[in-house]
């Protein structure tokens, strides 16, 4: 089990806030739980698509999201944050 860095914790807080602000808490939880085995592949796909996606999203955000998806601990921490939120 790897430790989640303070930077990753801040990013997880930002992502969970954004997901909840747009009312996507439940769909995000479903996607995280059902796609947990594929999360690593999603991170790899972000690395491959980064040049095209960087036209719409900052490169730093893409790198952080790819790193989050590649870490099963970070994915579990995001799911735990979303589950702890009030509906």
N, C-alpha and C. Protein backbone atom coordinates (compact mmCIF):
# COMPACT_ATOMS: atom_id res chain seq x y z
N UNK A 1 0.84 -1.17 0.00
CA UNK A 1 0.00 0.00 0.00
C UNK A 1 0.89 1.25 0.00
N UNK A 2 0.66 2.14 -0.93
CA UNK A 2 1.48 3.35 -1.04
C UNK A 2 0.81 4.50 -0.31
N UNK A 3 1.62 5.44 0.10
CA UNK A 3 1.11 6.63 0.76
C UNK A 3 0.62 7.63 -0.27
N UNK A 4 -0.38 8.38 0.09
CA UNK A 4 -0.88 9.44 -0.78
C UNK A 4 -0.20 10.73 -0.33
N UNK A 5 0.41 11.41 -1.28
CA UNK A 5 1.16 12.62 -0.98
C UNK A 5 0.21 13.77 -0.62
N UNK A 6 0.71 14.79 0.08
CA UNK A 6 -0.12 15.96 0.39
C UNK A 6 -0.66 16.62 -0.89
N UNK A 7 0.14 16.64 -1.94
CA UNK A 7 -0.31 17.21 -3.21
C UNK A 7 -1.48 16.41 -3.77
N UNK A 8 -1.38 15.07 -3.71
CA UNK A 8 -2.48 14.23 -4.18
C UNK A 8 -3.72 14.44 -3.32
N UNK A 9 -3.54 14.61 -2.01
CA UNK A 9 -4.69 14.86 -1.13
C UNK A 9 -5.41 16.15 -1.51
N UNK A 10 -4.66 17.20 -1.80
CA UNK A 10 -5.28 18.46 -2.23
C UNK A 10 -6.03 18.27 -3.54
N UNK A 11 -5.42 17.53 -4.47
CA UNK A 11 -6.07 17.29 -5.76
C UNK A 11 -7.34 16.46 -5.57
N UNK A 12 -7.29 15.45 -4.70
CA UNK A 12 -8.47 14.63 -4.42
C UNK A 12 -9.60 15.48 -3.84
N UNK A 13 -9.24 16.42 -2.96
CA UNK A 13 -10.26 17.32 -2.41
C UNK A 13 -10.88 18.18 -3.51
N UNK A 14 -10.03 18.71 -4.40
CA UNK A 14 -10.53 19.54 -5.49
C UNK A 14 -11.46 18.75 -6.41
N UNK A 15 -11.04 17.53 -6.76
CA UNK A 15 -11.84 16.70 -7.66
C UNK A 15 -13.17 16.33 -7.00
N UNK A 16 -13.14 15.93 -5.73
CA UNK A 16 -14.39 15.55 -5.06
C UNK A 16 -15.33 16.76 -4.93
N UNK A 17 -14.77 17.95 -4.66
CA UNK A 17 -15.60 19.15 -4.62
C UNK A 17 -16.25 19.43 -5.97
N UNK A 18 -15.46 19.31 -7.03
CA UNK A 18 -15.97 19.55 -8.38
C UNK A 18 -17.06 18.55 -8.75
N UNK A 19 -16.84 17.28 -8.45
CA UNK A 19 -17.82 16.24 -8.75
C UNK A 19 -19.13 16.52 -8.02
N UNK A 20 -19.04 16.86 -6.75
CA UNK A 20 -20.25 17.13 -5.96
C UNK A 20 -20.94 18.42 -6.41
N UNK A 21 -20.16 19.42 -6.77
CA UNK A 21 -20.74 20.70 -7.21
C UNK A 21 -21.62 20.50 -8.44
N UNK A 22 -21.21 19.60 -9.33
CA UNK A 22 -21.98 19.36 -10.55
C UNK A 22 -23.01 18.25 -10.38
N UNK A 23 -23.18 17.74 -9.16
CA UNK A 23 -24.20 16.73 -8.90
C UNK A 23 -23.88 15.36 -9.49
N UNK A 24 -22.60 15.06 -9.62
CA UNK A 24 -22.19 13.80 -10.23
C UNK A 24 -21.62 12.80 -9.22
N UNK A 25 -21.97 12.99 -7.95
CA UNK A 25 -21.43 12.14 -6.90
C UNK A 25 -21.76 10.67 -7.13
N UNK A 26 -23.03 10.36 -7.33
CA UNK A 26 -23.44 8.97 -7.51
C UNK A 26 -22.88 8.35 -8.79
N UNK A 27 -22.98 9.03 -9.95
CA UNK A 27 -22.37 8.44 -11.15
C UNK A 27 -20.85 8.24 -11.01
N UNK A 28 -20.19 9.17 -10.33
CA UNK A 28 -18.75 9.03 -10.13
C UNK A 28 -18.44 7.83 -9.23
N UNK A 29 -19.23 7.66 -8.18
CA UNK A 29 -19.03 6.49 -7.30
C UNK A 29 -19.24 5.19 -8.05
N UNK A 30 -20.28 5.14 -8.86
CA UNK A 30 -20.55 3.93 -9.65
C UNK A 30 -19.39 3.65 -10.60
N UNK A 31 -18.92 4.69 -11.28
CA UNK A 31 -17.80 4.52 -12.22
C UNK A 31 -16.53 4.09 -11.49
N UNK A 32 -16.27 4.69 -10.33
CA UNK A 32 -15.06 4.32 -9.59
C UNK A 32 -15.12 2.88 -9.09
N UNK A 33 -16.26 2.50 -8.55
CA UNK A 33 -16.38 1.14 -8.01
C UNK A 33 -16.40 0.08 -9.10
N UNK A 34 -17.13 0.33 -10.17
CA UNK A 34 -17.22 -0.69 -11.21
C UNK A 34 -15.97 -0.71 -12.09
N UNK A 35 -15.32 0.43 -12.23
CA UNK A 35 -14.15 0.49 -13.11
C UNK A 35 -12.82 0.45 -12.39
N UNK A 36 -12.85 0.12 -11.10
CA UNK A 36 -11.60 0.10 -10.32
C UNK A 36 -10.51 -0.76 -10.96
N UNK A 37 -10.83 -1.95 -11.47
CA UNK A 37 -9.76 -2.75 -12.10
C UNK A 37 -9.21 -2.10 -13.37
N UNK A 38 -9.98 -1.23 -14.00
CA UNK A 38 -9.54 -0.60 -15.24
C UNK A 38 -8.99 0.80 -15.04
N UNK A 39 -8.94 1.27 -13.81
CA UNK A 39 -8.50 2.64 -13.54
C UNK A 39 -7.07 2.86 -14.03
N UNK A 40 -6.20 1.88 -13.83
CA UNK A 40 -4.81 2.02 -14.28
C UNK A 40 -4.76 2.24 -15.79
N UNK A 41 -5.58 1.50 -16.53
CA UNK A 41 -5.61 1.67 -17.98
C UNK A 41 -6.14 3.05 -18.36
N UNK A 42 -7.08 3.58 -17.58
CA UNK A 42 -7.57 4.92 -17.82
C UNK A 42 -6.47 5.96 -17.64
N UNK A 43 -5.63 5.76 -16.64
CA UNK A 43 -4.49 6.64 -16.44
C UNK A 43 -3.53 6.59 -17.61
N UNK A 44 -3.29 5.39 -18.12
CA UNK A 44 -2.41 5.24 -19.28
C UNK A 44 -3.01 5.90 -20.51
N UNK A 45 -4.33 5.78 -20.66
CA UNK A 45 -5.01 6.42 -21.79
C UNK A 45 -4.88 7.95 -21.72
N UNK A 46 -4.90 8.49 -20.51
CA UNK A 46 -4.73 9.94 -20.36
C UNK A 46 -3.33 10.37 -20.79
N UNK A 47 -2.32 9.56 -20.46
CA UNK A 47 -0.96 9.90 -20.90
C UNK A 47 -0.88 9.92 -22.41
N UNK A 48 -1.52 8.96 -23.05
CA UNK A 48 -1.49 8.89 -24.52
C UNK A 48 -2.26 10.06 -25.14
N UNK A 49 -3.38 10.41 -24.55
CA UNK A 49 -4.24 11.46 -25.11
C UNK A 49 -3.85 12.86 -24.64
N UNK A 50 -2.84 12.96 -23.80
CA UNK A 50 -2.47 14.25 -23.22
C UNK A 50 -2.22 15.34 -24.26
N UNK A 51 -1.51 15.08 -25.35
CA UNK A 51 -1.29 16.17 -26.31
C UNK A 51 -2.60 16.78 -26.85
N UNK A 52 -3.57 15.94 -27.15
CA UNK A 52 -4.83 16.45 -27.67
C UNK A 52 -5.67 17.08 -26.56
N UNK A 53 -5.72 16.44 -25.41
CA UNK A 53 -6.53 16.95 -24.31
C UNK A 53 -5.99 18.24 -23.73
N UNK A 54 -4.68 18.47 -23.88
CA UNK A 54 -4.09 19.69 -23.31
C UNK A 54 -4.60 20.95 -24.01
N UNK A 55 -5.30 20.80 -25.13
CA UNK A 55 -5.94 21.95 -25.76
C UNK A 55 -7.12 22.45 -24.93
N UNK A 56 -7.70 21.55 -24.13
CA UNK A 56 -8.90 21.87 -23.37
C UNK A 56 -8.67 21.91 -21.86
N UNK A 57 -7.70 21.14 -21.37
CA UNK A 57 -7.44 21.01 -19.94
C UNK A 57 -5.95 21.25 -19.72
N UNK A 58 -5.60 21.86 -18.59
CA UNK A 58 -4.19 22.14 -18.33
C UNK A 58 -3.39 20.85 -18.23
N UNK A 59 -2.15 20.93 -18.64
CA UNK A 59 -1.27 19.76 -18.59
C UNK A 59 -1.06 19.26 -17.18
N UNK A 60 -0.98 20.18 -16.21
CA UNK A 60 -0.80 19.78 -14.82
C UNK A 60 -2.00 18.98 -14.33
N UNK A 61 -3.21 19.41 -14.67
CA UNK A 61 -4.41 18.69 -14.26
C UNK A 61 -4.44 17.30 -14.87
N UNK A 62 -4.05 17.19 -16.14
CA UNK A 62 -4.01 15.88 -16.80
C UNK A 62 -3.00 14.96 -16.13
N UNK A 63 -1.82 15.50 -15.79
CA UNK A 63 -0.80 14.67 -15.12
C UNK A 63 -1.29 14.21 -13.76
N UNK A 64 -1.94 15.11 -13.02
CA UNK A 64 -2.46 14.74 -11.70
C UNK A 64 -3.56 13.69 -11.81
N UNK A 65 -4.43 13.84 -12.79
CA UNK A 65 -5.52 12.87 -12.97
C UNK A 65 -4.96 11.51 -13.39
N UNK A 66 -3.98 11.51 -14.29
CA UNK A 66 -3.37 10.25 -14.71
C UNK A 66 -2.70 9.57 -13.52
N UNK A 67 -1.99 10.35 -12.71
CA UNK A 67 -1.35 9.80 -11.52
C UNK A 67 -2.37 9.25 -10.53
N UNK A 68 -3.48 9.94 -10.38
CA UNK A 68 -4.54 9.48 -9.49
C UNK A 68 -5.08 8.13 -9.97
N UNK A 69 -5.37 8.03 -11.25
CA UNK A 69 -5.94 6.79 -11.79
C UNK A 69 -4.96 5.63 -11.73
N UNK A 70 -3.67 5.92 -11.79
CA UNK A 70 -2.66 4.86 -11.75
C UNK A 70 -2.44 4.31 -10.34
N UNK A 71 -2.91 5.05 -9.33
CA UNK A 71 -2.73 4.63 -7.94
C UNK A 71 -4.04 4.09 -7.39
N UNK A 72 -4.06 2.81 -7.08
CA UNK A 72 -5.29 2.22 -6.53
C UNK A 72 -5.64 2.83 -5.19
N UNK A 73 -4.64 3.26 -4.42
CA UNK A 73 -4.90 3.91 -3.14
C UNK A 73 -5.58 5.26 -3.34
N UNK A 74 -5.15 6.01 -4.35
CA UNK A 74 -5.75 7.31 -4.63
C UNK A 74 -7.19 7.15 -5.13
N UNK A 75 -7.44 6.15 -5.94
CA UNK A 75 -8.80 5.89 -6.42
C UNK A 75 -9.70 5.52 -5.24
N UNK A 76 -9.18 4.69 -4.33
CA UNK A 76 -9.95 4.32 -3.14
C UNK A 76 -10.19 5.53 -2.25
N UNK A 77 -9.21 6.43 -2.14
CA UNK A 77 -9.36 7.63 -1.32
C UNK A 77 -10.41 8.57 -1.92
N UNK A 78 -10.43 8.68 -3.25
CA UNK A 78 -11.44 9.52 -3.89
C UNK A 78 -12.83 8.93 -3.66
N UNK A 79 -12.97 7.63 -3.80
CA UNK A 79 -14.27 6.98 -3.54
C UNK A 79 -14.70 7.20 -2.09
N UNK A 80 -13.76 7.10 -1.16
CA UNK A 80 -14.09 7.30 0.26
C UNK A 80 -14.53 8.74 0.51
N UNK A 81 -13.87 9.70 -0.13
CA UNK A 81 -14.27 11.11 0.02
C UNK A 81 -15.68 11.32 -0.51
N UNK A 82 -15.98 10.73 -1.64
CA UNK A 82 -17.31 10.90 -2.24
C UNK A 82 -18.38 10.21 -1.39
N UNK A 83 -18.05 9.05 -0.85
CA UNK A 83 -19.02 8.34 0.00
C UNK A 83 -19.30 9.12 1.29
N UNK A 84 -18.31 9.84 1.78
CA UNK A 84 -18.46 10.58 3.04
C UNK A 84 -19.27 11.86 2.85
N UNK A 85 -19.44 12.31 1.63
CA UNK A 85 -20.18 13.55 1.35
C UNK A 85 -21.66 13.35 1.61
N UNK A 86 -22.28 14.42 2.03
CA UNK A 86 -23.73 14.40 2.22
C UNK A 86 -24.40 14.50 0.86
N UNK A 87 -25.53 13.87 0.73
CA UNK A 87 -26.25 13.87 -0.54
C UNK A 87 -26.98 15.16 -0.74
